[in-house]
Structure formats: C-alpha cells, structure tokens
Amino acid sequence: MSYEVNLNLIKETRRQRGISMDQMADKLKLANRSVYSKRENGLAKFKPEELPALCSILELSLNAIFLPKMSIK
C-alpha cells in the first residue's frame, strides 16, 4: 500500500493554529510564501526532510499526515 500526504489536514491545522503561509515558509527555511503555497496546494511535493519539521510546527505526528493512496484498478 502506498501513502500520500494529507494536504487538507496540513492546511486546516495551519489555519486553526493561526500560522500564516509566510510563517510556515520561514519556519521550514523555504525561499518564500509561494514555495510553501505550492507544496500545501499540491502543485509541488513536500521534501521528505521537511516533513518532521512540518509536523513539529503543526503539532501533528508523522503518521497523522499520511493517507492511504487510492489506486484505480
């Protein structure tokens, strides 16, 4: 079984905690808000090394941010 990052959970948790995209970009040491926005909106993928920091910032476990990937047969 493969998994994908739960982008909706990340976005909603960030909003609930009152963290802006600019703040997330800074905390993840990304170039700017646009780079973070592309990741959060699925236009680019989070790098594996960013996921532990992302979880720490949002106070989520690594397991919580993954969903089973639906495969079409």
PDB file of N, CA and C in Angstrom:
ATOM      1  N   MET A   1       0.853  -1.172   0.000  1.00  0.00           N
ATOM      2  CA  MET A   1       0.000   0.000   0.000  1.00  0.00           C
ATOM      3  C   MET A   1       0.898   1.235   0.000  1.00  0.00           C
ATOM      4  N   SER A   2       0.519   2.233  -0.770  1.00  0.00           N
ATOM      5  CA  SER A   2       1.284   3.477  -0.778  1.00  0.00           C
ATOM      6  C   SER A   2       0.469   4.575  -0.080  1.00  0.00           C
ATOM      7  N   TYR A   3       1.162   5.629   0.266  1.00  0.00           N
ATOM      8  CA  TYR A   3       0.542   6.709   1.027  1.00  0.00           C
ATOM      9  C   TYR A   3       0.817   8.047   0.371  1.00  0.00           C
ATOM     10  N   GLU A   4      -0.032   9.022   0.695  1.00  0.00           N
ATOM     11  CA  GLU A   4       0.168  10.380   0.230  1.00  0.00           C
ATOM     12  C   GLU A   4      -0.017  11.333   1.412  1.00  0.00           C
ATOM     13  N   VAL A   5       0.566  12.503   1.299  1.00  0.00           N
ATOM     14  CA  VAL A   5       0.470  13.494   2.362  1.00  0.00           C
ATOM     15  C   VAL A   5      -0.937  14.093   2.359  1.00  0.00           C
ATOM     16  N   ASN A   6      -1.525  14.192   3.543  1.00  0.00           N
ATOM     17  CA  ASN A   6      -2.870  14.744   3.702  1.00  0.00           C
ATOM     18  C   ASN A   6      -2.773  16.270   3.707  1.00  0.00           C
ATOM     19  N   LEU A   7      -2.839  16.856   2.530  1.00  0.00           N
ATOM     20  CA  LEU A   7      -2.686  18.299   2.382  1.00  0.00           C
ATOM     21  C   LEU A   7      -3.822  19.069   3.032  1.00  0.00           C
ATOM     22  N   ASN A   8      -5.023  18.496   3.021  1.00  0.00           N
ATOM     23  CA  ASN A   8      -6.153  19.175   3.664  1.00  0.00           C
ATOM     24  C   ASN A   8      -5.937  19.299   5.164  1.00  0.00           C
ATOM     25  N   LEU A   9      -5.424  18.253   5.786  1.00  0.00           N
ATOM     26  CA  LEU A   9      -5.141  18.294   7.222  1.00  0.00           C
ATOM     27  C   LEU A   9      -4.077  19.346   7.519  1.00  0.00           C
ATOM     28  N   ILE A  10      -3.046  19.392   6.708  1.00  0.00           N
ATOM     29  CA  ILE A  10      -1.973  20.377   6.906  1.00  0.00           C
ATOM     30  C   ILE A  10      -2.527  21.792   6.804  1.00  0.00           C
ATOM     31  N   LYS A  11      -3.306  22.053   5.762  1.00  0.00           N
ATOM     32  CA  LYS A  11      -3.864  23.394   5.558  1.00  0.00           C
ATOM     33  C   LYS A  11      -4.799  23.781   6.700  1.00  0.00           C
ATOM     34  N   GLU A  12      -5.710  22.884   7.058  1.00  0.00           N
ATOM     35  CA  GLU A  12      -6.674  23.191   8.114  1.00  0.00           C
ATOM     36  C   GLU A  12      -6.001  23.369   9.467  1.00  0.00           C
ATOM     37  N   THR A  13      -5.022  22.542   9.771  1.00  0.00           N
ATOM     38  CA  THR A  13      -4.313  22.660  11.044  1.00  0.00           C
ATOM     39  C   THR A  13      -3.544  23.974  11.097  1.00  0.00           C
ATOM     40  N   ARG A  14      -2.893  24.321  10.003  1.00  0.00           N
ATOM     41  CA  ARG A  14      -2.165  25.596   9.956  1.00  0.00           C
ATOM     42  C   ARG A  14      -3.105  26.758  10.203  1.00  0.00           C
ATOM     43  N   ARG A  15      -4.257  26.750   9.549  1.00  0.00           N
ATOM     44  CA  ARG A  15      -5.241  27.832   9.718  1.00  0.00           C
ATOM     45  C   ARG A  15      -5.763  27.879  11.149  1.00  0.00           C
ATOM     46  N   GLN A  16      -6.104  26.714  11.707  1.00  0.00           N
ATOM     47  CA  GLN A  16      -6.620  26.654  13.079  1.00  0.00           C
ATOM     48  C   GLN A  16      -5.611  27.186  14.085  1.00  0.00           C
ATOM     49  N   ARG A  17      -4.349  26.986  13.827  1.00  0.00           N
ATOM     50  CA  ARG A  17      -3.301  27.446  14.745  1.00  0.00           C
ATOM     51  C   ARG A  17      -2.892  28.898  14.469  1.00  0.00           C
ATOM     52  N   GLY A  18      -3.512  29.502  13.455  1.00  0.00           N
ATOM     53  CA  GLY A  18      -3.237  30.905  13.148  1.00  0.00           C
ATOM     54  C   GLY A  18      -1.839  31.157  12.607  1.00  0.00           C
ATOM     55  N   ILE A  19      -1.319  30.193  11.867  1.00  0.00           N
ATOM     56  CA  ILE A  19       0.020  30.315  11.291  1.00  0.00           C
ATOM     57  C   ILE A  19      -0.128  30.685   9.815  1.00  0.00           C
ATOM     58  N   SER A  20       0.508  31.767   9.415  1.00  0.00           N
ATOM     59  CA  SER A  20       0.412  32.203   8.016  1.00  0.00           C
ATOM     60  C   SER A  20       1.331  31.370   7.129  1.00  0.00           C
ATOM     61  N   MET A  21       1.104  31.454   5.837  1.00  0.00           N
ATOM     62  CA  MET A  21       1.984  30.778   4.885  1.00  0.00           C
ATOM     63  C   MET A  21       3.385  31.375   4.928  1.00  0.00           C
ATOM     64  N   ASP A  22       3.472  32.680   5.149  1.00  0.00           N
ATOM     65  CA  ASP A  22       4.788  33.318   5.282  1.00  0.00           C
ATOM     66  C   ASP A  22       5.540  32.735   6.476  1.00  0.00           C
ATOM     67  N   GLN A  23       4.844  32.555   7.600  1.00  0.00           N
ATOM     68  CA  GLN A  23       5.477  31.983   8.785  1.00  0.00           C
ATOM     69  C   GLN A  23       5.922  30.550   8.531  1.00  0.00           C
ATOM     70  N   MET A  24       5.086  29.779   7.834  1.00  0.00           N
ATOM     71  CA  MET A  24       5.455  28.389   7.530  1.00  0.00           C
ATOM     72  C   MET A  24       6.697  28.360   6.648  1.00  0.00           C
ATOM     73  N   ALA A  25       6.733  29.218   5.649  1.00  0.00           N
ATOM     74  CA  ALA A  25       7.904  29.272   4.771  1.00  0.00           C
ATOM     75  C   ALA A  25       9.159  29.594   5.581  1.00  0.00           C
ATOM     76  N   ASP A  26       9.055  30.559   6.483  1.00  0.00           N
ATOM     77  CA  ASP A  26      10.204  30.919   7.321  1.00  0.00           C
ATOM     78  C   ASP A  26      10.632  29.752   8.203  1.00  0.00           C
ATOM     79  N   LYS A  27       9.676  29.114   8.853  1.00  0.00           N
ATOM     80  CA  LYS A  27       9.985  28.019   9.781  1.00  0.00           C
ATOM     81  C   LYS A  27      10.587  26.806   9.064  1.00  0.00           C
ATOM     82  N   LEU A  28      10.169  26.587   7.819  1.00  0.00           N
ATOM     83  CA  LEU A  28      10.693  25.465   7.043  1.00  0.00           C
ATOM     84  C   LEU A  28      11.929  25.852   6.227  1.00  0.00           C
ATOM     85  N   LYS A  29      12.350  27.107   6.386  1.00  0.00           N
ATOM     86  CA  LYS A  29      13.527  27.625   5.681  1.00  0.00           C
ATOM     87  C   LYS A  29      13.375  27.553   4.157  1.00  0.00           C
ATOM     88  N   LEU A  30      12.160  27.880   3.695  1.00  0.00           N
ATOM     89  CA  LEU A  30      11.883  27.940   2.263  1.00  0.00           C
ATOM     90  C   LEU A  30      12.104  29.373   1.783  1.00  0.00           C
ATOM     91  N   ALA A  31      12.296  29.535   0.505  1.00  0.00           N
ATOM     92  CA  ALA A  31      12.628  30.845  -0.058  1.00  0.00           C
ATOM     93  C   ALA A  31      11.553  31.894   0.207  1.00  0.00           C
ATOM     94  N   ASN A  32      10.290  31.502   0.088  1.00  0.00           N
ATOM     95  CA  ASN A  32       9.196  32.466   0.271  1.00  0.00           C
ATOM     96  C   ASN A  32       7.855  31.747   0.390  1.00  0.00           C
ATOM     97  N   ARG A  33       6.812  32.532   0.548  1.00  0.00           N
ATOM     98  CA  ARG A  33       5.456  32.013   0.718  1.00  0.00           C
ATOM     99  C   ARG A  33       5.015  31.182  -0.492  1.00  0.00           C
ATOM    100  N   SER A  34       5.391  31.621  -1.670  1.00  0.00           N
ATOM    101  CA  SER A  34       4.984  30.932  -2.892  1.00  0.00           C
ATOM    102  C   SER A  34       5.473  29.485  -2.913  1.00  0.00           C
ATOM    103  N   VAL A  35       6.701  29.274  -2.483  1.00  0.00           N
ATOM    104  CA  VAL A  35       7.264  27.925  -2.446  1.00  0.00           C
ATOM    105  C   VAL A  35       6.447  27.055  -1.487  1.00  0.00           C
ATOM    106  N   TYR A  36       6.111  27.607  -0.318  1.00  0.00           N
ATOM    107  CA  TYR A  36       5.297  26.855   0.646  1.00  0.00           C
ATOM    108  C   TYR A  36       3.898  26.610   0.081  1.00  0.00           C
ATOM    109  N   SER A  37       3.289  27.634  -0.486  1.00  0.00           N
ATOM    110  CA  SER A  37       1.931  27.526  -1.022  1.00  0.00           C
ATOM    111  C   SER A  37       1.826  26.418  -2.065  1.00  0.00           C
ATOM    112  N   LYS A  38       2.819  26.311  -2.920  1.00  0.00           N
ATOM    113  CA  LYS A  38       2.802  25.258  -3.940  1.00  0.00           C
ATOM    114  C   LYS A  38       2.800  23.878  -3.300  1.00  0.00           C
ATOM    115  N   ARG A  39       3.527  23.722  -2.212  1.00  0.00           N
ATOM    116  CA  ARG A  39       3.549  22.431  -1.519  1.00  0.00           C
ATOM    117  C   ARG A  39       2.198  22.150  -0.862  1.00  0.00           C
ATOM    118  N   GLU A  40       1.680  23.127  -0.137  1.00  0.00           N
ATOM    119  CA  GLU A  40       0.423  22.936   0.584  1.00  0.00           C
ATOM    120  C   GLU A  40      -0.750  22.687  -0.366  1.00  0.00           C
ATOM    121  N   ASN A  41      -0.681  23.261  -1.547  1.00  0.00           N
ATOM    122  CA  ASN A  41      -1.775  23.112  -2.515  1.00  0.00           C
ATOM    123  C   ASN A  41      -1.548  21.987  -3.524  1.00  0.00           C
ATOM    124  N   GLY A  42      -0.500  21.205  -3.331  1.00  0.00           N
ATOM    125  CA  GLY A  42      -0.273  20.033  -4.161  1.00  0.00           C
ATOM    126  C   GLY A  42       0.359  20.293  -5.512  1.00  0.00           C
ATOM    127  N   LEU A  43       0.829  21.502  -5.747  1.00  0.00           N
ATOM    128  CA  LEU A  43       1.481  21.811  -7.018  1.00  0.00           C
ATOM    129  C   LEU A  43       2.943  21.380  -7.013  1.00  0.00           C
ATOM    130  N   ALA A  44       3.487  21.174  -5.823  1.00  0.00           N
ATOM    131  CA  ALA A  44       4.838  20.642  -5.622  1.00  0.00           C
ATOM    132  C   ALA A  44       4.754  19.750  -4.387  1.00  0.00           C
ATOM    133  N   LYS A  45       5.688  18.822  -4.266  1.00  0.00           N
ATOM    134  CA  LYS A  45       5.663  17.901  -3.133  1.00  0.00           C
ATOM    135  C   LYS A  45       6.559  18.400  -2.004  1.00  0.00           C
ATOM    136  N   PHE A  46       6.113  18.141  -0.775  1.00  0.00           N
ATOM    137  CA  PHE A  46       6.976  18.381   0.366  1.00  0.00           C
ATOM    138  C   PHE A  46       8.158  17.432   0.253  1.00  0.00           C
ATOM    139  N   LYS A  47       9.339  17.916   0.551  1.00  0.00           N
ATOM    140  CA  LYS A  47      10.519  17.059   0.554  1.00  0.00           C
ATOM    141  C   LYS A  47      10.500  16.217   1.820  1.00  0.00           C
ATOM    142  N   PRO A  48      10.984  14.990   1.751  1.00  0.00           N
ATOM    143  CA  PRO A  48      10.963  14.121   2.932  1.00  0.00           C
ATOM    144  C   PRO A  48      11.604  14.768   4.159  1.00  0.00           C
ATOM    145  N   GLU A  49      12.671  15.520   3.971  1.00  0.00           N
ATOM    146  CA  GLU A  49      13.334  16.137   5.116  1.00  0.00           C
ATOM    147  C   GLU A  49      12.545  17.299   5.716  1.00  0.00           C
ATOM    148  N   GLU A  50      11.522  17.789   5.009  1.00  0.00           N
ATOM    149  CA  GLU A  50      10.671  18.868   5.531  1.00  0.00           C
ATOM    150  C   GLU A  50       9.553  18.341   6.424  1.00  0.00           C
ATOM    151  N   LEU A  51       9.192  17.077   6.251  1.00  0.00           N
ATOM    152  CA  LEU A  51       8.028  16.537   6.962  1.00  0.00           C
ATOM    153  C   LEU A  51       8.166  16.519   8.481  1.00  0.00           C
ATOM    154  N   PRO A  52       9.295  16.112   9.063  1.00  0.00           N
ATOM    155  CA  PRO A  52       9.391  16.167  10.524  1.00  0.00           C
ATOM    156  C   PRO A  52       9.236  17.592  11.073  1.00  0.00           C
ATOM    157  N   ALA A  53       9.837  18.577  10.407  1.00  0.00           N
ATOM    158  CA  ALA A  53       9.706  19.965  10.847  1.00  0.00           C
ATOM    159  C   ALA A  53       8.269  20.444  10.706  1.00  0.00           C
ATOM    160  N   LEU A  54       7.632  20.090   9.602  1.00  0.00           N
ATOM    161  CA  LEU A  54       6.237  20.445   9.369  1.00  0.00           C
ATOM    162  C   LEU A  54       5.362  19.909  10.495  1.00  0.00           C
ATOM    163  N   CYS A  55       5.560  18.648  10.842  1.00  0.00           N
ATOM    164  CA  CYS A  55       4.780  18.028  11.918  1.00  0.00           C
ATOM    165  C   CYS A  55       5.046  18.705  13.254  1.00  0.00           C
ATOM    166  N   SER A  56       6.279  19.046  13.511  1.00  0.00           N
ATOM    167  CA  SER A  56       6.628  19.719  14.762  1.00  0.00           C
ATOM    168  C   SER A  56       5.946  21.078  14.856  1.00  0.00           C
ATOM    169  N   ILE A  57       5.980  21.840  13.797  1.00  0.00           N
ATOM    170  CA  ILE A  57       5.363  23.173  13.771  1.00  0.00           C
ATOM    171  C   ILE A  57       3.856  23.067  14.007  1.00  0.00           C
ATOM    172  N   LEU A  58       3.223  22.098  13.352  1.00  0.00           N
ATOM    173  CA  LEU A  58       1.764  21.951  13.432  1.00  0.00           C
ATOM    174  C   LEU A  58       1.309  21.064  14.592  1.00  0.00           C
ATOM    175  N   GLU A  59       2.274  20.517  15.329  1.00  0.00           N
ATOM    176  CA  GLU A  59       1.986  19.638  16.463  1.00  0.00           C
ATOM    177  C   GLU A  59       1.154  18.425  16.037  1.00  0.00           C
ATOM    178  N   LEU A  60       1.608  17.804  14.958  1.00  0.00           N
ATOM    179  CA  LEU A  60       0.978  16.592  14.435  1.00  0.00           C
ATOM    180  C   LEU A  60       2.021  15.480  14.420  1.00  0.00           C
ATOM    181  N   SER A  61       1.560  14.250  14.506  1.00  0.00           N
ATOM    182  CA  SER A  61       2.505  13.139  14.364  1.00  0.00           C
ATOM    183  C   SER A  61       2.750  12.891  12.881  1.00  0.00           C
ATOM    184  N   LEU A  62       3.872  12.281  12.575  1.00  0.00           N
ATOM    185  CA  LEU A  62       4.158  11.921  11.183  1.00  0.00           C
ATOM    186  C   LEU A  62       3.066  11.004  10.635  1.00  0.00           C
ATOM    187  N   ASN A  63       2.624  10.061  11.444  1.00  0.00           N
ATOM    188  CA  ASN A  63       1.569   9.140  10.989  1.00  0.00           C
ATOM    189  C   ASN A  63       0.285   9.874  10.644  1.00  0.00           C
ATOM    190  N   ALA A  64      -0.004  10.952  11.350  1.00  0.00           N
ATOM    191  CA  ALA A  64      -1.259  11.679  11.143  1.00  0.00           C
ATOM    192  C   ALA A  64      -1.337  12.344   9.778  1.00  0.00           C
ATOM    193  N   ILE A  65      -0.205  12.695   9.203  1.00  0.00           N
ATOM    194  CA  ILE A  65      -0.267  13.459   7.951  1.00  0.00           C
ATOM    195  C   ILE A  65      -0.303  12.584   6.696  1.00  0.00           C
ATOM    196  N   PHE A  66      -0.317  11.277   6.871  1.00  0.00           N
ATOM    197  CA  PHE A  66      -0.361  10.392   5.711  1.00  0.00           C
ATOM    198  C   PHE A  66      -1.714   9.711   5.559  1.00  0.00           C
ATOM    199  N   LEU A  67      -2.164   9.628   4.320  1.00  0.00           N
ATOM    200  CA  LEU A  67      -3.396   8.917   3.955  1.00  0.00           C
ATOM    201  C   LEU A  67      -3.039   7.781   3.019  1.00  0.00           C
ATOM    202  N   PRO A  68      -3.761   6.661   3.112  1.00  0.00           N
ATOM    203  CA  PRO A  68      -3.542   5.617   2.113  1.00  0.00           C
ATOM    204  C   PRO A  68      -3.877   6.186   0.735  1.00  0.00           C
ATOM    205  N   LYS A  69      -3.028   5.903  -0.226  1.00  0.00           N
ATOM    206  CA  LYS A  69      -3.238   6.387  -1.590  1.00  0.00           C
ATOM    207  C   LYS A  69      -4.201   5.442  -2.301  1.00  0.00           C
ATOM    208  N   MET A  70      -5.247   6.032  -2.849  1.00  0.00           N
ATOM    209  CA  MET A  70      -6.238   5.239  -3.559  1.00  0.00           C
ATOM    210  C   MET A  70      -5.709   4.863  -4.929  1.00  0.00           C
ATOM    211  N   SER A  71      -5.749   3.611  -5.235  1.00  0.00           N
ATOM    212  CA  SER A  71      -5.310   3.180  -6.561  1.00  0.00           C
ATOM    213  C   SER A  71      -6.531   2.786  -7.385  1.00  0.00           C
ATOM    214  N   ILE A  72      -6.484   3.137  -8.634  1.00  0.00           N
ATOM    215  CA  ILE A  72      -7.580   2.810  -9.548  1.00  0.00           C
ATOM    216  C   ILE A  72      -7.213   1.524 -10.283  1.00  0.00           C
ATOM    217  N   LYS A  73      -8.087   0.572 -10.206  1.00  0.00           N
ATOM    218  CA  LYS A  73      -7.817  -0.705 -10.867  1.00  0.00           C
ATOM    219  C   LYS A  73      -8.646  -0.845 -12.107  1.00  0.00           C
TER     220      LYS A  73
END
